[in-house]
Amino acid sequence: MTSTLHDFHRLLGGTGLSVSPLGLGTVKLGRDQGVKYPSGFSIPDDNQAGHLLSLARDLGINLIDTAPAYGVSEERLGPLLAGQREEWVIVSKVGEEFSNGQSHFDFSPAHTRLSVERSLTRLRTDRIELVLVHSDGNDLDILRNSGVYETLAELKREGKILAYGLSGKTVEGGLHALEQGDCAMVTYNLNEQAERPVMDYALAHGKGILVKKALASGHACLRPGDDPVRLSFEQLFAHRGVAAAIVGTINPKHLSDNVQTVASVLAAQQQ
């Protein structure tokens, strides 16, 4: 049985980007305040973080998810990814900033452009494959009235980003995001399936879907009985609109176990 994802890469909607079905979320590389995990953790040092990224590559993961709101995640990833930039598809965000233990939001055109330029500098790269609007929950208002999407479209035309979309919280926002943009990041797990219509729309219209909280921020692992991780991934990848799920682990064994489970699930679904 294969235990890597090298043979399971797939296109992210119509972006032309080929991504692994699991992506590595990096909030835990940069921030340990205000995160919704069931247990505490220590931010890994550079050696540990480098080992985690190397393991992810060996396991066939090429998708990495970061954001300005993830503390120093972007600044750390820049040097950590030196010499291997072409092997990664980077997802970052705009709109949310995190300082002094609090989130604050700015979706204006000026801040959107500043944020992307800053992310390019921090990540030490000339382009970011996908930039998502980091919504505060007011998805439709943000997309219609802030100018953020128009600014991301300009940045895409300039080649600074290759695709854009929304990491949102509502069905209406996700649908609007896909009408105008390339990708939506939705919450979908054993407990929460409200955003499934966004996934259905993406499948029908050739748009990209990334899933956040696929394991309910680690809480899925607390369910009794059947293997909740396998059940989560079976449900997730049964929907053909899903390109990838983002998992935010910094535990090498958890990462390897998740990869093995996903490879097993996808292999079974292909039979």
C-alpha atoms as a PDB file:
ATOM      1  CA  MET A   1       0.000   0.000   0.000  1.00  0.00           C
ATOM      2  CA  THR A   2       1.338   3.412  -0.920  1.00  0.00           C
ATOM      3  CA  SER A   3       1.886   5.689   2.032  1.00  0.00           C
ATOM      4  CA  THR A   4       2.731   8.883   0.167  1.00  0.00           C
ATOM      5  CA  LEU A   5       0.679  11.319  -1.883  1.00  0.00           C
ATOM      6  CA  HIS A   6       3.015  11.637  -4.873  1.00  0.00           C
ATOM      7  CA  ASP A   7       0.576   9.763  -7.132  1.00  0.00           C
ATOM      8  CA  PHE A   8      -2.519  11.627  -5.958  1.00  0.00           C
ATOM      9  CA  HIS A   9      -1.807  15.219  -6.954  1.00  0.00           C
ATOM     10  CA  ARG A  10      -4.737  16.919  -8.675  1.00  0.00           C
ATOM     11  CA  LEU A  11      -5.641  20.212 -10.308  1.00  0.00           C
ATOM     12  CA  LEU A  12      -6.995  23.019  -8.141  1.00  0.00           C
ATOM     13  CA  GLY A  13     -10.062  23.914 -10.165  1.00  0.00           C
ATOM     14  CA  GLY A  14      -9.158  25.875 -13.264  1.00  0.00           C
ATOM     15  CA  THR A  15      -6.046  27.506 -11.813  1.00  0.00           C
ATOM     16  CA  GLY A  16      -3.601  25.178 -13.562  1.00  0.00           C
ATOM     17  CA  LEU A  17      -1.999  24.495 -10.163  1.00  0.00           C
ATOM     18  CA  SER A  18      -1.383  20.841  -9.305  1.00  0.00           C
ATOM     19  CA  VAL A  19      -1.692  20.247  -5.572  1.00  0.00           C
ATOM     20  CA  SER A  20      -1.353  17.374  -3.136  1.00  0.00           C
ATOM     21  CA  PRO A  21      -4.644  16.317  -1.518  1.00  0.00           C
ATOM     22  CA  LEU A  22      -3.226  17.304   1.852  1.00  0.00           C
ATOM     23  CA  GLY A  23      -1.715  20.699   2.490  1.00  0.00           C
ATOM     24  CA  LEU A  24       0.397  21.704   5.474  1.00  0.00           C
ATOM     25  CA  GLY A  25      -1.086  24.531   7.515  1.00  0.00           C
ATOM     26  CA  THR A  26       1.530  26.625   9.282  1.00  0.00           C
ATOM     27  CA  VAL A  27      -0.281  28.665  11.930  1.00  0.00           C
ATOM     28  CA  LYS A  28       1.631  26.671  14.581  1.00  0.00           C
ATOM     29  CA  LEU A  29       4.960  27.763  13.067  1.00  0.00           C
ATOM     30  CA  GLY A  30       4.181  31.373  13.861  1.00  0.00           C
ATOM     31  CA  ARG A  31       1.658  31.820  16.607  1.00  0.00           C
ATOM     32  CA  ASP A  32       0.498  30.146  19.805  1.00  0.00           C
ATOM     33  CA  GLN A  33      -2.063  32.726  20.962  1.00  0.00           C
ATOM     34  CA  GLY A  34      -5.757  32.623  20.130  1.00  0.00           C
ATOM     35  CA  VAL A  35      -5.666  29.275  18.350  1.00  0.00           C
ATOM     36  CA  LYS A  36      -8.527  26.810  18.683  1.00  0.00           C
ATOM     37  CA  TYR A  37      -6.848  23.493  19.297  1.00  0.00           C
ATOM     38  CA  PRO A  38      -7.823  21.066  22.068  1.00  0.00           C
ATOM     39  CA  SER A  39      -4.355  21.031  23.615  1.00  0.00           C
ATOM     40  CA  GLY A  40      -1.474  23.444  23.968  1.00  0.00           C
ATOM     41  CA  PHE A  41       1.725  23.286  21.935  1.00  0.00           C
ATOM     42  CA  SER A  42       5.145  24.867  21.640  1.00  0.00           C
ATOM     43  CA  ILE A  43       6.141  26.664  18.440  1.00  0.00           C
ATOM     44  CA  PRO A  44       8.827  24.488  16.790  1.00  0.00           C
ATOM     45  CA  ASP A  45      12.323  25.851  16.348  1.00  0.00           C
ATOM     46  CA  ASP A  46      13.922  26.187  12.907  1.00  0.00           C
ATOM     47  CA  ASN A  47      15.411  22.686  12.968  1.00  0.00           C
ATOM     48  CA  GLN A  48      12.066  21.137  13.874  1.00  0.00           C
ATOM     49  CA  ALA A  49      10.230  23.256  11.318  1.00  0.00           C
ATOM     50  CA  GLY A  50      12.742  22.368   8.604  1.00  0.00           C
ATOM     51  CA  HIS A  51      12.408  18.688   9.436  1.00  0.00           C
ATOM     52  CA  LEU A  52       8.609  18.950   9.225  1.00  0.00           C
ATOM     53  CA  LEU A  53       8.797  20.601   5.787  1.00  0.00           C
ATOM     54  CA  SER A  54      11.290  18.003   4.561  1.00  0.00           C
ATOM     55  CA  LEU A  55       9.053  15.208   5.807  1.00  0.00           C
ATOM     56  CA  ALA A  56       6.051  16.795   4.112  1.00  0.00           C
ATOM     57  CA  ARG A  57       7.915  16.888   0.792  1.00  0.00           C
ATOM     58  CA  ASP A  58       9.010  13.262   1.175  1.00  0.00           C
ATOM     59  CA  LEU A  59       5.388  12.312   1.843  1.00  0.00           C
ATOM     60  CA  GLY A  60       4.293  13.967  -1.405  1.00  0.00           C
ATOM     61  CA  ILE A  61       2.893  17.198   0.038  1.00  0.00           C
ATOM     62  CA  ASN A  62       3.527  20.273  -2.121  1.00  0.00           C
ATOM     63  CA  LEU A  63       0.837  22.588  -0.743  1.00  0.00           C
ATOM     64  CA  ILE A  64       1.622  24.957   2.122  1.00  0.00           C
ATOM     65  CA  ASP A  65      -0.831  27.326   3.764  1.00  0.00           C
ATOM     66  CA  THR A  66       0.171  30.478   5.611  1.00  0.00           C
ATOM     67  CA  ALA A  67      -1.172  33.956   6.365  1.00  0.00           C
ATOM     68  CA  PRO A  68      -0.140  37.332   7.778  1.00  0.00           C
ATOM     69  CA  ALA A  69      -2.423  36.529  10.736  1.00  0.00           C
ATOM     70  CA  TYR A  70      -0.296  33.474  11.571  1.00  0.00           C
ATOM     71  CA  GLY A  71       2.223  35.478  13.556  1.00  0.00           C
ATOM     72  CA  VAL A  72       5.724  35.025  12.132  1.00  0.00           C
ATOM     73  CA  SER A  73       4.790  32.075   9.892  1.00  0.00           C
ATOM     74  CA  GLU A  74       5.548  33.854   6.606  1.00  0.00           C
ATOM     75  CA  GLU A  75       8.849  35.298   7.841  1.00  0.00           C
ATOM     76  CA  ARG A  76       9.974  31.846   8.942  1.00  0.00           C
ATOM     77  CA  LEU A  77       8.879  30.103   5.759  1.00  0.00           C
ATOM     78  CA  GLY A  78      10.916  32.444   3.546  1.00  0.00           C
ATOM     79  CA  PRO A  79      14.337  31.134   4.623  1.00  0.00           C
ATOM     80  CA  LEU A  80      13.039  27.623   5.352  1.00  0.00           C
ATOM     81  CA  LEU A  81      11.897  27.243   1.726  1.00  0.00           C
ATOM     82  CA  ALA A  82      15.126  28.641   0.261  1.00  0.00           C
ATOM     83  CA  GLY A  83      16.340  26.527  -2.647  1.00  0.00           C
ATOM     84  CA  GLN A  84      13.093  24.573  -2.924  1.00  0.00           C
ATOM     85  CA  ARG A  85      10.614  27.276  -3.928  1.00  0.00           C
ATOM     86  CA  GLU A  86       9.651  25.569  -7.194  1.00  0.00           C
ATOM     87  CA  GLU A  87       8.553  22.481  -5.304  1.00  0.00           C
ATOM     88  CA  TRP A  88       5.836  24.264  -3.321  1.00  0.00           C
ATOM     89  CA  VAL A  89       2.421  25.734  -4.032  1.00  0.00           C
ATOM     90  CA  ILE A  90       2.036  28.544  -1.490  1.00  0.00           C
ATOM     91  CA  VAL A  91      -1.334  29.772  -0.233  1.00  0.00           C
ATOM     92  CA  SER A  92      -1.417  32.993   1.760  1.00  0.00           C
ATOM     93  CA  LYS A  93      -4.146  35.448   2.769  1.00  0.00           C
ATOM     94  CA  VAL A  94      -5.078  39.112   2.972  1.00  0.00           C
ATOM     95  CA  GLY A  95      -7.416  41.023   5.258  1.00  0.00           C
ATOM     96  CA  GLU A  96      -6.650  39.722   8.736  1.00  0.00           C
ATOM     97  CA  GLU A  97      -3.809  40.969  10.908  1.00  0.00           C
ATOM     98  CA  PHE A  98      -2.944  39.558  14.328  1.00  0.00           C
ATOM     99  CA  SER A  99      -1.128  41.633  16.925  1.00  0.00           C
ATOM    100  CA  ASN A 100      -1.093  41.851  20.717  1.00  0.00           C
ATOM    101  CA  GLY A 101      -3.247  38.737  20.912  1.00  0.00           C
ATOM    102  CA  GLN A 102      -6.051  40.244  18.826  1.00  0.00           C
ATOM    103  CA  SER A 103      -7.226  39.972  15.234  1.00  0.00           C
ATOM    104  CA  HIS A 104      -8.129  43.071  13.281  1.00  0.00           C
ATOM    105  CA  PHE A 105      -9.246  43.364   9.687  1.00  0.00           C
ATOM    106  CA  ASP A 106      -8.589  45.639   6.718  1.00  0.00           C
ATOM    107  CA  PHE A 107      -9.880  44.692   3.273  1.00  0.00           C
ATOM    108  CA  SER A 108      -9.187  48.024   1.570  1.00  0.00           C
ATOM    109  CA  PRO A 109      -7.399  48.092  -1.814  1.00  0.00           C
ATOM    110  CA  ALA A 110      -4.381  49.870  -0.319  1.00  0.00           C
ATOM    111  CA  HIS A 111      -3.967  47.387   2.511  1.00  0.00           C
ATOM    112  CA  THR A 112      -4.590  44.429   0.206  1.00  0.00           C
ATOM    113  CA  ARG A 113      -1.762  45.482  -2.073  1.00  0.00           C
ATOM    114  CA  LEU A 114       0.521  46.290   0.861  1.00  0.00           C
ATOM    115  CA  SER A 115      -0.245  42.906   2.395  1.00  0.00           C
ATOM    116  CA  VAL A 116       0.572  40.938  -0.757  1.00  0.00           C
ATOM    117  CA  GLU A 117       3.786  42.907  -1.357  1.00  0.00           C
ATOM    118  CA  ARG A 118       4.780  42.304   2.257  1.00  0.00           C
ATOM    119  CA  SER A 119       4.023  38.581   1.945  1.00  0.00           C
ATOM    120  CA  LEU A 120       6.184  38.374  -1.181  1.00  0.00           C
ATOM    121  CA  THR A 121       9.060  39.954   0.763  1.00  0.00           C
ATOM    122  CA  ARG A 122       8.578  37.755   3.823  1.00  0.00           C
ATOM    123  CA  LEU A 123       8.320  34.595   1.744  1.00  0.00           C
ATOM    124  CA  ARG A 124      11.308  35.677  -0.390  1.00  0.00           C
ATOM    125  CA  THR A 125       9.485  34.932  -3.611  1.00  0.00           C
ATOM    126  CA  ASP A 126       8.332  36.709  -6.768  1.00  0.00           C
ATOM    127  CA  ARG A 127       4.833  35.242  -6.767  1.00  0.00           C
ATOM    128  CA  ILE A 128       2.297  33.557  -4.515  1.00  0.00           C
ATOM    129  CA  GLU A 129       0.302  30.811  -6.171  1.00  0.00           C
ATOM    130  CA  LEU A 130      -2.967  31.516  -4.332  1.00  0.00           C
ATOM    131  CA  VAL A 131      -4.091  34.401  -2.125  1.00  0.00           C
ATOM    132  CA  LEU A 132      -7.335  34.108  -0.193  1.00  0.00           C
ATOM    133  CA  VAL A 133      -9.357  36.820   1.507  1.00  0.00           C
ATOM    134  CA  HIS A 134      -9.207  35.996   5.234  1.00  0.00           C
ATOM    135  CA  SER A 135     -12.832  36.811   6.055  1.00  0.00           C
ATOM    136  CA  ASP A 136     -14.136  38.043   9.396  1.00  0.00           C
ATOM    137  CA  GLY A 137     -17.475  36.407   8.579  1.00  0.00           C
ATOM    138  CA  ASN A 138     -19.064  39.275   6.655  1.00  0.00           C
ATOM    139  CA  ASP A 139     -18.244  37.519   3.391  1.00  0.00           C
ATOM    140  CA  LEU A 140     -20.678  39.176   0.991  1.00  0.00           C
ATOM    141  CA  ASP A 141     -20.111  42.689   2.290  1.00  0.00           C
ATOM    142  CA  ILE A 142     -16.346  42.264   2.020  1.00  0.00           C
ATOM    143  CA  LEU A 143     -16.473  40.911  -1.521  1.00  0.00           C
ATOM    144  CA  ARG A 144     -18.975  43.473  -2.806  1.00  0.00           C
ATOM    145  CA  ASN A 145     -17.944  46.646  -1.043  1.00  0.00           C
ATOM    146  CA  SER A 146     -14.292  46.653   0.055  1.00  0.00           C
ATOM    147  CA  GLY A 147     -12.476  46.500  -3.284  1.00  0.00           C
ATOM    148  CA  VAL A 148     -10.378  43.538  -2.112  1.00  0.00           C
ATOM    149  CA  TYR A 149     -11.345  41.263  -5.004  1.00  0.00           C
ATOM    150  CA  GLU A 150     -10.708  43.940  -7.606  1.00  0.00           C
ATOM    151  CA  THR A 151      -7.252  44.524  -6.121  1.00  0.00           C
ATOM    152  CA  LEU A 152      -6.462  40.800  -6.130  1.00  0.00           C
ATOM    153  CA  ALA A 153      -7.536  40.649  -9.784  1.00  0.00           C
ATOM    154  CA  GLU A 154      -5.040  43.447 -10.535  1.00  0.00           C
ATOM    155  CA  LEU A 155      -2.283  41.609  -8.673  1.00  0.00           C
ATOM    156  CA  LYS A 156      -3.082  38.486 -10.670  1.00  0.00           C
ATOM    157  CA  ARG A 157      -2.792  40.415 -13.929  1.00  0.00           C
ATOM    158  CA  GLU A 158       0.571  41.713 -12.727  1.00  0.00           C
ATOM    159  CA  GLY A 159       1.757  38.150 -12.085  1.00  0.00           C
ATOM    160  CA  LYS A 160       2.362  38.699  -8.378  1.00  0.00           C
ATOM    161  CA  ILE A 161      -0.314  36.135  -7.540  1.00  0.00           C
ATOM    162  CA  LEU A 162      -1.491  33.310  -9.797  1.00  0.00           C
ATOM    163  CA  ALA A 163      -4.992  32.838  -8.382  1.00  0.00           C
ATOM    164  CA  TYR A 164      -7.268  34.282  -5.704  1.00  0.00           C
ATOM    165  CA  GLY A 165     -10.348  33.474  -3.717  1.00  0.00           C
ATOM    166  CA  LEU A 166     -11.984  33.518  -0.296  1.00  0.00           C
ATOM    167  CA  SER A 167     -11.482  31.725   2.991  1.00  0.00           C
ATOM    168  CA  GLY A 168     -14.996  32.429   4.175  1.00  0.00           C
ATOM    169  CA  LYS A 169     -17.668  31.413   6.612  1.00  0.00           C
ATOM    170  CA  THR A 170     -20.935  31.502   4.653  1.00  0.00           C
ATOM    171  CA  VAL A 171     -22.469  29.688   1.707  1.00  0.00           C
ATOM    172  CA  GLU A 172     -23.473  32.972   0.080  1.00  0.00           C
ATOM    173  CA  GLY A 173     -19.936  34.317   0.383  1.00  0.00           C
ATOM    174  CA  GLY A 174     -18.403  31.138  -0.992  1.00  0.00           C
ATOM    175  CA  LEU A 175     -20.697  31.115  -4.010  1.00  0.00           C
ATOM    176  CA  HIS A 176     -20.029  34.789  -4.779  1.00  0.00           C
ATOM    177  CA  ALA A 177     -16.302  34.220  -4.315  1.00  0.00           C
ATOM    178  CA  LEU A 178     -16.314  31.426  -6.890  1.00  0.00           C
ATOM    179  CA  GLU A 179     -18.371  33.386  -9.408  1.00  0.00           C
ATOM    180  CA  GLN A 180     -15.697  36.072  -9.542  1.00  0.00           C
ATOM    181  CA  GLY A 181     -12.559  34.261  -8.383  1.00  0.00           C
ATOM    182  CA  ASP A 182     -10.673  30.988  -8.591  1.00  0.00           C
ATOM    183  CA  CYS A 183     -11.016  29.196  -5.268  1.00  0.00           C
ATOM    184  CA  ALA A 184     -12.890  28.980  -1.983  1.00  0.00           C
ATOM    185  CA  MET A 185     -11.631  27.576   1.287  1.00  0.00           C
ATOM    186  CA  VAL A 186     -14.528  26.068   3.217  1.00  0.00           C
ATOM    187  CA  THR A 187     -15.111  24.336   6.537  1.00  0.00           C
ATOM    188  CA  TYR A 188     -16.194  20.733   6.045  1.00  0.00           C
ATOM    189  CA  ASN A 189     -15.909  17.919   8.565  1.00  0.00           C
ATOM    190  CA  LEU A 190     -17.920  15.296  10.419  1.00  0.00           C
ATOM    191  CA  ASN A 191     -19.624  17.990  12.477  1.00  0.00           C
ATOM    192  CA  GLU A 192     -20.018  20.822   9.966  1.00  0.00           C
ATOM    193  CA  GLN A 193     -21.284  20.435   6.389  1.00  0.00           C
ATOM    194  CA  ALA A 194     -23.207  23.689   5.878  1.00  0.00           C
ATOM    195  CA  GLU A 195     -20.849  24.901   3.124  1.00  0.00           C
ATOM    196  CA  ARG A 196     -21.365  21.845   0.923  1.00  0.00           C
ATOM    197  CA  PRO A 197     -23.307  23.920  -1.679  1.00  0.00           C
ATOM    198  CA  VAL A 198     -20.081  25.867  -2.302  1.00  0.00           C
ATOM    199  CA  MET A 199     -18.301  22.589  -3.037  1.00  0.00           C
ATOM    200  CA  ASP A 200     -21.131  21.517  -5.360  1.00  0.00           C
ATOM    201  CA  TYR A 201     -20.888  24.820  -7.269  1.00  0.00           C
ATOM    202  CA  ALA A 202     -17.121  24.485  -7.582  1.00  0.00           C
ATOM    203  CA  LEU A 203     -17.429  20.985  -9.013  1.00  0.00           C
ATOM    204  CA  ALA A 204     -20.020  22.117 -11.545  1.00  0.00           C
ATOM    205  CA  HIS A 205     -18.055  25.188 -12.636  1.00  0.00           C
ATOM    206  CA  GLY A 206     -14.447  23.997 -12.552  1.00  0.00           C
ATOM    207  CA  LYS A 207     -13.429  26.080  -9.548  1.00  0.00           C
ATOM    208  CA  GLY A 208     -11.023  25.192  -6.749  1.00  0.00           C
ATOM    209  CA  ILE A 209     -11.944  24.025  -3.243  1.00  0.00           C
ATOM    210  CA  LEU A 210      -9.630  23.791  -0.261  1.00  0.00           C
ATOM    211  CA  VAL A 211     -10.994  22.512   3.038  1.00  0.00           C
ATOM    212  CA  LYS A 212     -10.076  23.937   6.427  1.00  0.00           C
ATOM    213  CA  LYS A 213     -10.864  22.306   9.766  1.00  0.00           C
ATOM    214  CA  ALA A 214     -11.153  18.915   8.048  1.00  0.00           C
ATOM    215  CA  LEU A 215     -10.432  17.297  11.408  1.00  0.00           C
ATOM    216  CA  ALA A 216     -12.374  19.972  13.319  1.00  0.00           C
ATOM    217  CA  SER A 217      -9.105  21.646  14.443  1.00  0.00           C
ATOM    218  CA  GLY A 218      -8.074  18.380  16.054  1.00  0.00           C
ATOM    219  CA  HIS A 219     -11.367  17.899  17.862  1.00  0.00           C
ATOM    220  CA  ALA A 220     -12.435  15.125  15.454  1.00  0.00           C
ATOM    221  CA  CYS A 221      -9.774  12.973  17.067  1.00  0.00           C
ATOM    222  CA  LEU A 222     -11.673  13.187  20.327  1.00  0.00           C
ATOM    223  CA  ARG A 223     -14.729  11.340  18.995  1.00  0.00           C
ATOM    224  CA  PRO A 224     -15.274   7.862  20.465  1.00  0.00           C
ATOM    225  CA  GLY A 225     -15.731   4.674  18.447  1.00  0.00           C
ATOM    226  CA  ASP A 226     -14.743   4.390  14.794  1.00  0.00           C
ATOM    227  CA  ASP A 227     -11.554   5.917  13.398  1.00  0.00           C
ATOM    228  CA  PRO A 228     -12.667   9.556  13.142  1.00  0.00           C
ATOM    229  CA  VAL A 229      -9.688  10.618  11.033  1.00  0.00           C
ATOM    230  CA  ARG A 230     -10.411   8.019   8.366  1.00  0.00           C
ATOM    231  CA  LEU A 231     -14.135   8.784   8.458  1.00  0.00           C
ATOM    232  CA  SER A 232     -13.356  12.485   8.079  1.00  0.00           C
ATOM    233  CA  PHE A 233     -11.180  11.949   5.015  1.00  0.00           C
ATOM    234  CA  GLU A 234     -13.580   9.419   3.481  1.00  0.00           C
ATOM    235  CA  GLN A 235     -16.407  11.927   3.688  1.00  0.00           C
ATOM    236  CA  LEU A 236     -14.225  14.768   2.471  1.00  0.00           C
ATOM    237  CA  PHE A 237     -12.760  13.091  -0.602  1.00  0.00           C
ATOM    238  CA  ALA A 238     -16.042  11.441  -1.545  1.00  0.00           C
ATOM    239  CA  HIS A 239     -16.907  14.934  -2.823  1.00  0.00           C
ATOM    240  CA  ARG A 240     -15.155  15.288  -6.167  1.00  0.00           C
ATOM    241  CA  GLY A 241     -15.097  19.056  -5.871  1.00  0.00           C
ATOM    242  CA  VAL A 242     -12.460  18.949  -3.118  1.00  0.00           C
ATOM    243  CA  ALA A 243      -8.877  19.450  -4.254  1.00  0.00           C
ATOM    244  CA  ALA A 244      -7.166  19.378  -0.872  1.00  0.00           C
ATOM    245  CA  ALA A 245      -7.572  19.570   2.874  1.00  0.00           C
ATOM    246  CA  ILE A 246      -5.271  21.703   5.017  1.00  0.00           C
ATOM    247  CA  VAL A 247      -3.984  20.065   8.209  1.00  0.00           C
ATOM    248  CA  GLY A 248      -2.139  22.154  10.753  1.00  0.00           C
ATOM    249  CA  THR A 249      -0.109  19.576  12.598  1.00  0.00           C
ATOM    250  CA  ILE A 250       3.468  20.081  13.780  1.00  0.00           C
ATOM    251  CA  ASN A 251       3.708  16.462  14.955  1.00  0.00           C
ATOM    252  CA  PRO A 252       5.674  14.392  12.404  1.00  0.00           C
ATOM    253  CA  LYS A 253       3.860  11.180  13.345  1.00  0.00           C
ATOM    254  CA  HIS A 254       0.443  12.813  12.994  1.00  0.00           C
ATOM    255  CA  LEU A 255       1.464  14.119   9.576  1.00  0.00           C
ATOM    256  CA  SER A 256       2.700  10.707   8.418  1.00  0.00           C
ATOM    257  CA  ASP A 257      -0.423   9.023   9.781  1.00  0.00           C
ATOM    258  CA  ASN A 258      -2.698  11.529   8.041  1.00  0.00           C
ATOM    259  CA  VAL A 259      -0.873  11.036   4.750  1.00  0.00           C
ATOM    260  CA  GLN A 260      -1.114   7.270   5.031  1.00  0.00           C
ATOM    261  CA  THR A 261      -4.829   7.486   5.784  1.00  0.00           C
ATOM    262  CA  VAL A 262      -5.518   9.842   2.866  1.00  0.00           C
ATOM    263  CA  ALA A 263      -3.473   7.693   0.469  1.00  0.00           C
ATOM    264  CA  SER A 264      -5.442   4.650   1.590  1.00  0.00           C
ATOM    265  CA  VAL A 265      -8.790   6.433   1.226  1.00  0.00           C
ATOM    266  CA  LEU A 266      -7.966   7.773  -2.239  1.00  0.00           C
ATOM    267  CA  ALA A 267      -6.625   4.422  -3.434  1.00  0.00           C
ATOM    268  CA  ALA A 268      -9.837   2.717  -2.261  1.00  0.00           C
ATOM    269  CA  GLN A 269     -11.967   5.344  -4.011  1.00  0.00           C
ATOM    270  CA  GLN A 270     -10.136   4.714  -7.302  1.00  0.00           C
ATOM    271  CA  GLN A 271     -10.961   0.996  -7.301  1.00  0.00           C
END
